[in-house]
Amino acid sequence: HAKPRTVEDDIRELSPWFHNLHLPDGT
């Protein structure tokens, strides 16, 4: 079974980031 997609997965896919956003889950 595929692992559930995480917020961290999305952040990596959308990188690079110039803004350090503090997300609701603390990420």
PDB file of all heavy atoms in Angstrom:
ATOM      1  N   HIS A   1       0.847  -1.196   0.000  1.00  0.00           N
ATOM      2  CA  HIS A   1       0.000   0.000   0.000  1.00  0.00           C
ATOM      3  C   HIS A   1       0.885   1.249   0.000  1.00  0.00           C
ATOM      4  O   HIS A   1       1.893   1.308   0.714  1.00  0.00           O
ATOM      5  CB  HIS A   1      -0.914   0.008   1.222  1.00  0.00           C
ATOM      6  CG  HIS A   1      -1.884  -1.132   1.250  1.00  0.00           C
ATOM      7  ND1 HIS A   1      -3.048  -1.132   0.541  1.00  0.00           N
ATOM      8  CD2 HIS A   1      -1.819  -2.331   1.901  1.00  0.00           C
ATOM      9  CE1 HIS A   1      -3.697  -2.277   0.761  1.00  0.00           C
ATOM     10  NE2 HIS A   1      -2.969  -3.023   1.585  1.00  0.00           N
ATOM     11  N   ALA A   2       0.483   2.214  -0.798  1.00  0.00           N
ATOM     12  CA  ALA A   2       1.233   3.469  -0.840  1.00  0.00           C
ATOM     13  C   ALA A   2       1.120   4.194   0.490  1.00  0.00           C
ATOM     14  O   ALA A   2       0.064   4.182   1.132  1.00  0.00           O
ATOM     15  CB  ALA A   2       0.709   4.351  -1.972  1.00  0.00           C
ATOM     16  N   LYS A   3       2.201   4.789   0.910  1.00  0.00           N
ATOM     17  CA  LYS A   3       2.175   5.553   2.150  1.00  0.00           C
ATOM     18  C   LYS A   3       1.305   6.793   1.962  1.00  0.00           C
ATOM     19  O   LYS A   3       1.330   7.425   0.909  1.00  0.00           O
ATOM     20  CB  LYS A   3       3.597   5.965   2.528  1.00  0.00           C
ATOM     21  CG  LYS A   3       4.496   4.818   2.927  1.00  0.00           C
ATOM     22  CD  LYS A   3       5.911   5.311   3.144  1.00  0.00           C
ATOM     23  CE  LYS A   3       5.986   6.353   4.233  1.00  0.00           C
ATOM     24  NZ  LYS A   3       7.396   6.776   4.487  1.00  0.00           N
ATOM     25  N   PRO A   4       0.524   7.169   2.959  1.00  0.00           N
ATOM     26  CA  PRO A   4      -0.283   8.387   2.851  1.00  0.00           C
ATOM     27  C   PRO A   4       0.607   9.604   2.606  1.00  0.00           C
ATOM     28  O   PRO A   4       1.707   9.713   3.166  1.00  0.00           O
ATOM     29  CB  PRO A   4      -0.972   8.473   4.219  1.00  0.00           C
ATOM     30  CG  PRO A   4      -0.908   7.095   4.784  1.00  0.00           C
ATOM     31  CD  PRO A   4       0.352   6.479   4.246  1.00  0.00           C
ATOM     32  N   ARG A   5       0.128  10.504   1.782  1.00  0.00           N
ATOM     33  CA  ARG A   5       0.905  11.707   1.474  1.00  0.00           C
ATOM     34  C   ARG A   5       0.904  12.624   2.692  1.00  0.00           C
ATOM     35  O   ARG A   5      -0.123  12.821   3.345  1.00  0.00           O
ATOM     36  CB  ARG A   5       0.317  12.429   0.267  1.00  0.00           C
ATOM     37  CG  ARG A   5       1.193  13.565  -0.232  1.00  0.00           C
ATOM     38  CD  ARG A   5       0.711  14.092  -1.568  1.00  0.00           C
ATOM     39  NE  ARG A   5       1.598  15.111  -2.077  1.00  0.00           N
ATOM     40  CZ  ARG A   5       2.714  14.865  -2.755  1.00  0.00           C
ATOM     41  NH1 ARG A   5       3.065  13.610  -2.979  1.00  0.00           N
ATOM     42  NH2 ARG A   5       3.476  15.836  -3.189  1.00  0.00           N
ATOM     43  N   THR A   6       2.036  13.211   2.985  1.00  0.00           N
ATOM     44  CA  THR A   6       2.178  14.069   4.155  1.00  0.00           C
ATOM     45  C   THR A   6       2.402  15.521   3.739  1.00  0.00           C
ATOM     46  O   THR A   6       2.708  15.826   2.580  1.00  0.00           O
ATOM     47  CB  THR A   6       3.367  13.615   5.021  1.00  0.00           C
ATOM     48  OG1 THR A   6       4.582  13.816   4.281  1.00  0.00           O
ATOM     49  CG2 THR A   6       3.236  12.151   5.398  1.00  0.00           C
ATOM     50  N   VAL A   7       2.273  16.410   4.722  1.00  0.00           N
ATOM     51  CA  VAL A   7       2.586  17.825   4.502  1.00  0.00           C
ATOM     52  C   VAL A   7       4.043  17.979   4.083  1.00  0.00           C
ATOM     53  O   VAL A   7       4.369  18.777   3.195  1.00  0.00           O
ATOM     54  CB  VAL A   7       2.283  18.647   5.771  1.00  0.00           C
ATOM     55  CG1 VAL A   7       2.843  20.055   5.637  1.00  0.00           C
ATOM     56  CG2 VAL A   7       0.793  18.693   6.052  1.00  0.00           C
ATOM     57  N   GLU A   8       4.907  17.207   4.698  1.00  0.00           N
ATOM     58  CA  GLU A   8       6.328  17.274   4.351  1.00  0.00           C
ATOM     59  C   GLU A   8       6.566  16.890   2.895  1.00  0.00           C
ATOM     60  O   GLU A   8       7.434  17.473   2.221  1.00  0.00           O
ATOM     61  CB  GLU A   8       7.146  16.368   5.275  1.00  0.00           C
ATOM     62  CG  GLU A   8       7.282  16.858   6.707  1.00  0.00           C
ATOM     63  CD  GLU A   8       6.050  16.562   7.562  1.00  0.00           C
ATOM     64  OE1 GLU A   8       5.105  15.899   7.046  1.00  0.00           O
ATOM     65  OE2 GLU A   8       6.030  16.996   8.726  1.00  0.00           O
ATOM     66  N   ASP A   9       5.793  15.929   2.396  1.00  0.00           N
ATOM     67  CA  ASP A   9       5.900  15.549   0.985  1.00  0.00           C
ATOM     68  C   ASP A   9       5.542  16.727   0.087  1.00  0.00           C
ATOM     69  O   ASP A   9       6.233  17.002  -0.912  1.00  0.00           O
ATOM     70  CB  ASP A   9       4.969  14.370   0.671  1.00  0.00           C
ATOM     71  CG  ASP A   9       5.413  13.075   1.340  1.00  0.00           C
ATOM     72  OD1 ASP A   9       6.623  12.918   1.567  1.00  0.00           O
ATOM     73  OD2 ASP A   9       4.535  12.240   1.625  1.00  0.00           O
ATOM     74  N   ASP A  10       4.461  17.412   0.424  1.00  0.00           N
ATOM     75  CA  ASP A  10       4.041  18.570  -0.374  1.00  0.00           C
ATOM     76  C   ASP A  10       5.094  19.673  -0.331  1.00  0.00           C
ATOM     77  O   ASP A  10       5.389  20.303  -1.357  1.00  0.00           O
ATOM     78  CB  ASP A  10       2.705  19.122   0.147  1.00  0.00           C
ATOM     79  CG  ASP A  10       1.529  18.203  -0.155  1.00  0.00           C
ATOM     80  OD1 ASP A  10       1.662  17.346  -1.056  1.00  0.00           O
ATOM     81  OD2 ASP A  10       0.492  18.344   0.515  1.00  0.00           O
ATOM     82  N   ILE A  11       5.653  19.930   0.837  1.00  0.00           N
ATOM     83  CA  ILE A  11       6.671  20.975   0.970  1.00  0.00           C
ATOM     84  C   ILE A  11       7.879  20.657   0.098  1.00  0.00           C
ATOM     85  O   ILE A  11       8.403  21.538  -0.598  1.00  0.00           O
ATOM     86  CB  ILE A  11       7.086  21.137   2.447  1.00  0.00           C
ATOM     87  CG1 ILE A  11       5.929  21.740   3.248  1.00  0.00           C
ATOM     88  CG2 ILE A  11       8.337  22.012   2.564  1.00  0.00           C
ATOM     89  CD1 ILE A  11       6.160  21.769   4.745  1.00  0.00           C
ATOM     90  N   ARG A  12       8.299  19.405   0.112  1.00  0.00           N
ATOM     91  CA  ARG A  12       9.437  19.018  -0.733  1.00  0.00           C
ATOM     92  C   ARG A  12       9.095  19.177  -2.210  1.00  0.00           C
ATOM     93  O   ARG A  12       9.925  19.660  -2.994  1.00  0.00           O
ATOM     94  CB  ARG A  12       9.844  17.573  -0.430  1.00  0.00           C
ATOM     95  CG  ARG A  12      10.698  17.413   0.816  1.00  0.00           C
ATOM     96  CD  ARG A  12      11.303  16.034   0.878  1.00  0.00           C
ATOM     97  NE  ARG A  12      10.271  15.007   1.031  1.00  0.00           N
ATOM     98  CZ  ARG A  12       9.813  14.580   2.202  1.00  0.00           C
ATOM     99  NH1 ARG A  12      10.286  15.092   3.326  1.00  0.00           N
ATOM    100  NH2 ARG A  12       8.891  13.646   2.252  1.00  0.00           N
ATOM    101  N   GLU A  13       7.896  18.788  -2.601  1.00  0.00           N
ATOM    102  CA  GLU A  13       7.513  18.886  -4.006  1.00  0.00           C
ATOM    103  C   GLU A  13       7.429  20.336  -4.470  1.00  0.00           C
ATOM    104  O   GLU A  13       7.708  20.648  -5.630  1.00  0.00           O
ATOM    105  CB  GLU A  13       6.177  18.189  -4.224  1.00  0.00           C
ATOM    106  CG  GLU A  13       5.746  18.125  -5.686  1.00  0.00           C
ATOM    107  CD  GLU A  13       4.509  17.279  -5.869  1.00  0.00           C
ATOM    108  OE1 GLU A  13       4.561  16.082  -5.544  1.00  0.00           O
ATOM    109  OE2 GLU A  13       3.492  17.829  -6.344  1.00  0.00           O
ATOM    110  N   LEU A  14       7.035  21.225  -3.559  1.00  0.00           N
ATOM    111  CA  LEU A  14       6.876  22.637  -3.894  1.00  0.00           C
ATOM    112  C   LEU A  14       8.156  23.457  -3.677  1.00  0.00           C
ATOM    113  O   LEU A  14       8.160  24.660  -3.911  1.00  0.00           O
ATOM    114  CB  LEU A  14       5.747  23.253  -3.063  1.00  0.00           C
ATOM    115  CG  LEU A  14       4.326  22.824  -3.427  1.00  0.00           C
ATOM    116  CD1 LEU A  14       3.352  23.189  -2.317  1.00  0.00           C
ATOM    117  CD2 LEU A  14       3.898  23.453  -4.749  1.00  0.00           C
ATOM    118  N   SER A  15       9.210  22.841  -3.227  1.00  0.00           N
ATOM    119  CA  SER A  15      10.445  23.578  -2.959  1.00  0.00           C
ATOM    120  C   SER A  15      11.096  24.011  -4.283  1.00  0.00           C
ATOM    121  O   SER A  15      10.785  23.439  -5.342  1.00  0.00           O
ATOM    122  CB  SER A  15      11.416  22.695  -2.160  1.00  0.00           C
ATOM    123  OG  SER A  15      11.799  21.566  -2.924  1.00  0.00           O
ATOM    124  N   PRO A  16      11.979  25.018  -4.252  1.00  0.00           N
ATOM    125  CA  PRO A  16      12.480  25.717  -3.067  1.00  0.00           C
ATOM    126  C   PRO A  16      11.510  26.795  -2.576  1.00  0.00           C
ATOM    127  O   PRO A  16      10.739  27.348  -3.357  1.00  0.00           O
ATOM    128  CB  PRO A  16      13.778  26.351  -3.566  1.00  0.00           C
ATOM    129  CG  PRO A  16      13.527  26.603  -5.024  1.00  0.00           C
ATOM    130  CD  PRO A  16      12.666  25.460  -5.491  1.00  0.00           C
ATOM    131  N   TRP A  17      11.585  27.096  -1.287  1.00  0.00           N
ATOM    132  CA  TRP A  17      10.748  28.098  -0.643  1.00  0.00           C
ATOM    133  C   TRP A  17      11.598  29.309  -0.275  1.00  0.00           C
ATOM    134  O   TRP A  17      12.711  29.164   0.230  1.00  0.00           O
ATOM    135  CB  TRP A  17      10.118  27.531   0.632  1.00  0.00           C
ATOM    136  CG  TRP A  17       9.129  26.435   0.395  1.00  0.00           C
ATOM    137  CD1 TRP A  17       9.404  25.123   0.105  1.00  0.00           C
ATOM    138  CD2 TRP A  17       7.705  26.550   0.449  1.00  0.00           C
ATOM    139  NE1 TRP A  17       8.232  24.420  -0.025  1.00  0.00           N
ATOM    140  CE2 TRP A  17       7.170  25.259   0.180  1.00  0.00           C
ATOM    141  CE3 TRP A  17       6.822  27.605   0.704  1.00  0.00           C
ATOM    142  CZ2 TRP A  17       5.803  25.010   0.155  1.00  0.00           C
ATOM    143  CZ3 TRP A  17       5.458  27.359   0.687  1.00  0.00           C
ATOM    144  CH2 TRP A  17       4.955  26.084   0.410  1.00  0.00           C
ATOM    145  N   PHE A  18      11.042  30.503  -0.476  1.00  0.00           N
ATOM    146  CA  PHE A  18      11.688  31.726   0.004  1.00  0.00           C
ATOM    147  C   PHE A  18      11.011  32.232   1.273  1.00  0.00           C
ATOM    148  O   PHE A  18      11.634  32.908   2.082  1.00  0.00           O
ATOM    149  CB  PHE A  18      11.670  32.807  -1.079  1.00  0.00           C
ATOM    150  CG  PHE A  18      12.507  34.015  -0.736  1.00  0.00           C
ATOM    151  CD1 PHE A  18      13.875  33.911  -0.548  1.00  0.00           C
ATOM    152  CD2 PHE A  18      11.917  35.263  -0.578  1.00  0.00           C
ATOM    153  CE1 PHE A  18      14.645  35.019  -0.214  1.00  0.00           C
ATOM    154  CE2 PHE A  18      12.675  36.378  -0.252  1.00  0.00           C
ATOM    155  CZ  PHE A  18      14.040  36.254  -0.073  1.00  0.00           C
ATOM    156  N   HIS A  19       9.719  31.934   1.445  1.00  0.00           N
ATOM    157  CA  HIS A  19       9.020  32.283   2.678  1.00  0.00           C
ATOM    158  C   HIS A  19       9.011  31.078   3.616  1.00  0.00           C
ATOM    159  O   HIS A  19       8.633  29.971   3.206  1.00  0.00           O
ATOM    160  CB  HIS A  19       7.568  32.683   2.390  1.00  0.00           C
ATOM    161  CG  HIS A  19       7.415  34.082   1.905  1.00  0.00           C
ATOM    162  ND1 HIS A  19       6.182  34.656   1.643  1.00  0.00           N
ATOM    163  CD2 HIS A  19       8.340  35.042   1.631  1.00  0.00           C
ATOM    164  CE1 HIS A  19       6.354  35.904   1.231  1.00  0.00           C
ATOM    165  NE2 HIS A  19       7.654  36.150   1.216  1.00  0.00           N
ATOM    166  N   ASN A  20       9.405  31.306   4.840  1.00  0.00           N
ATOM    167  CA  ASN A  20       9.290  30.259   5.853  1.00  0.00           C
ATOM    168  C   ASN A  20       7.914  30.391   6.509  1.00  0.00           C
ATOM    169  O   ASN A  20       7.727  31.180   7.436  1.00  0.00           O
ATOM    170  CB  ASN A  20      10.388  30.375   6.903  1.00  0.00           C
ATOM    171  CG  ASN A  20      10.319  29.240   7.903  1.00  0.00           C
ATOM    172  OD1 ASN A  20       9.998  28.109   7.550  1.00  0.00           O
ATOM    173  ND2 ASN A  20      10.618  29.536   9.165  1.00  0.00           N
ATOM    174  N   LEU A  21       6.967  29.638   6.016  1.00  0.00           N
ATOM    175  CA  LEU A  21       5.622  29.657   6.571  1.00  0.00           C
ATOM    176  C   LEU A  21       5.537  28.699   7.758  1.00  0.00           C
ATOM    177  O   LEU A  21       6.040  27.576   7.695  1.00  0.00           O
ATOM    178  CB  LEU A  21       4.600  29.238   5.510  1.00  0.00           C
ATOM    179  CG  LEU A  21       4.584  30.037   4.199  1.00  0.00           C
ATOM    180  CD1 LEU A  21       3.511  29.491   3.271  1.00  0.00           C
ATOM    181  CD2 LEU A  21       4.372  31.520   4.461  1.00  0.00           C
ATOM    182  N   HIS A  22       4.886  29.158   8.818  1.00  0.00           N
ATOM    183  CA  HIS A  22       4.625  28.322   9.982  1.00  0.00           C
ATOM    184  C   HIS A  22       3.215  27.757   9.828  1.00  0.00           C
ATOM    185  O   HIS A  22       2.228  28.469  10.029  1.00  0.00           O
ATOM    186  CB  HIS A  22       4.745  29.137  11.275  1.00  0.00           C
ATOM    187  CG  HIS A  22       6.134  29.629  11.546  1.00  0.00           C
ATOM    188  ND1 HIS A  22       6.893  29.190  12.605  1.00  0.00           N
ATOM    189  CD2 HIS A  22       6.925  30.527  10.878  1.00  0.00           C
ATOM    190  CE1 HIS A  22       8.069  29.792  12.606  1.00  0.00           C
ATOM    191  NE2 HIS A  22       8.109  30.618  11.549  1.00  0.00           N
ATOM    192  N   LEU A  23       3.103  26.511   9.462  1.00  0.00           N
ATOM    193  CA  LEU A  23       1.813  25.896   9.162  1.00  0.00           C
ATOM    194  C   LEU A  23       1.079  25.515  10.442  1.00  0.00           C
ATOM    195  O   LEU A  23       1.689  25.410  11.516  1.00  0.00           O
ATOM    196  CB  LEU A  23       2.025  24.684   8.269  1.00  0.00           C
ATOM    197  CG  LEU A  23       2.690  25.010   6.918  1.00  0.00           C
ATOM    198  CD1 LEU A  23       3.025  23.734   6.168  1.00  0.00           C
ATOM    199  CD2 LEU A  23       1.812  25.920   6.073  1.00  0.00           C
ATOM    200  N   PRO A  24      -0.248  25.306  10.357  1.00  0.00           N
ATOM    201  CA  PRO A  24      -1.029  25.033  11.573  1.00  0.00           C
ATOM    202  C   PRO A  24      -0.553  23.836  12.377  1.00  0.00           C
ATOM    203  O   PRO A  24      -0.715  23.806  13.608  1.00  0.00           O
ATOM    204  CB  PRO A  24      -2.444  24.807  11.017  1.00  0.00           C
ATOM    205  CG  PRO A  24      -2.491  25.610   9.768  1.00  0.00           C
ATOM    206  CD  PRO A  24      -1.118  25.482   9.178  1.00  0.00           C
ATOM    207  N   ASP A  25       0.057  22.844  11.714  1.00  0.00           N
ATOM    208  CA  ASP A  25       0.512  21.664  12.451  1.00  0.00           C
ATOM    209  C   ASP A  25       1.915  21.841  13.033  1.00  0.00           C
ATOM    210  O   ASP A  25       2.486  20.904  13.596  1.00  0.00           O
ATOM    211  CB  ASP A  25       0.467  20.421  11.556  1.00  0.00           C
ATOM    212  CG  ASP A  25       1.482  20.469  10.412  1.00  0.00           C
ATOM    213  OD1 ASP A  25       2.131  21.535  10.230  1.00  0.00           O
ATOM    214  OD2 ASP A  25       1.615  19.470   9.686  1.00  0.00           O
ATOM    215  N   GLY A  26       2.475  23.051  12.902  1.00  0.00           N
ATOM    216  CA  GLY A  26       3.806  23.320  13.432  1.00  0.00           C
ATOM    217  C   GLY A  26       4.936  23.129  12.435  1.00  0.00           C
ATOM    218  O   GLY A  26       6.086  23.480  12.720  1.00  0.00           O
ATOM    219  N   THR A  27       4.624  22.583  11.263  1.00  0.00           N
ATOM    220  CA  THR A  27       5.644  22.398  10.236  1.00  0.00           C
ATOM    221  C   THR A  27       6.047  23.752   9.657  1.00  0.00           C
ATOM    222  O   THR A  27       5.229  24.659   9.533  1.00  0.00           O
ATOM    223  CB  THR A  27       5.094  21.507   9.105  1.00  0.00           C
ATOM    224  OG1 THR A  27       4.570  20.310   9.672  1.00  0.00           O
ATOM    225  CG2 THR A  27       6.189  21.159   8.108  1.00  0.00           C
TER     226      THR A  27
END
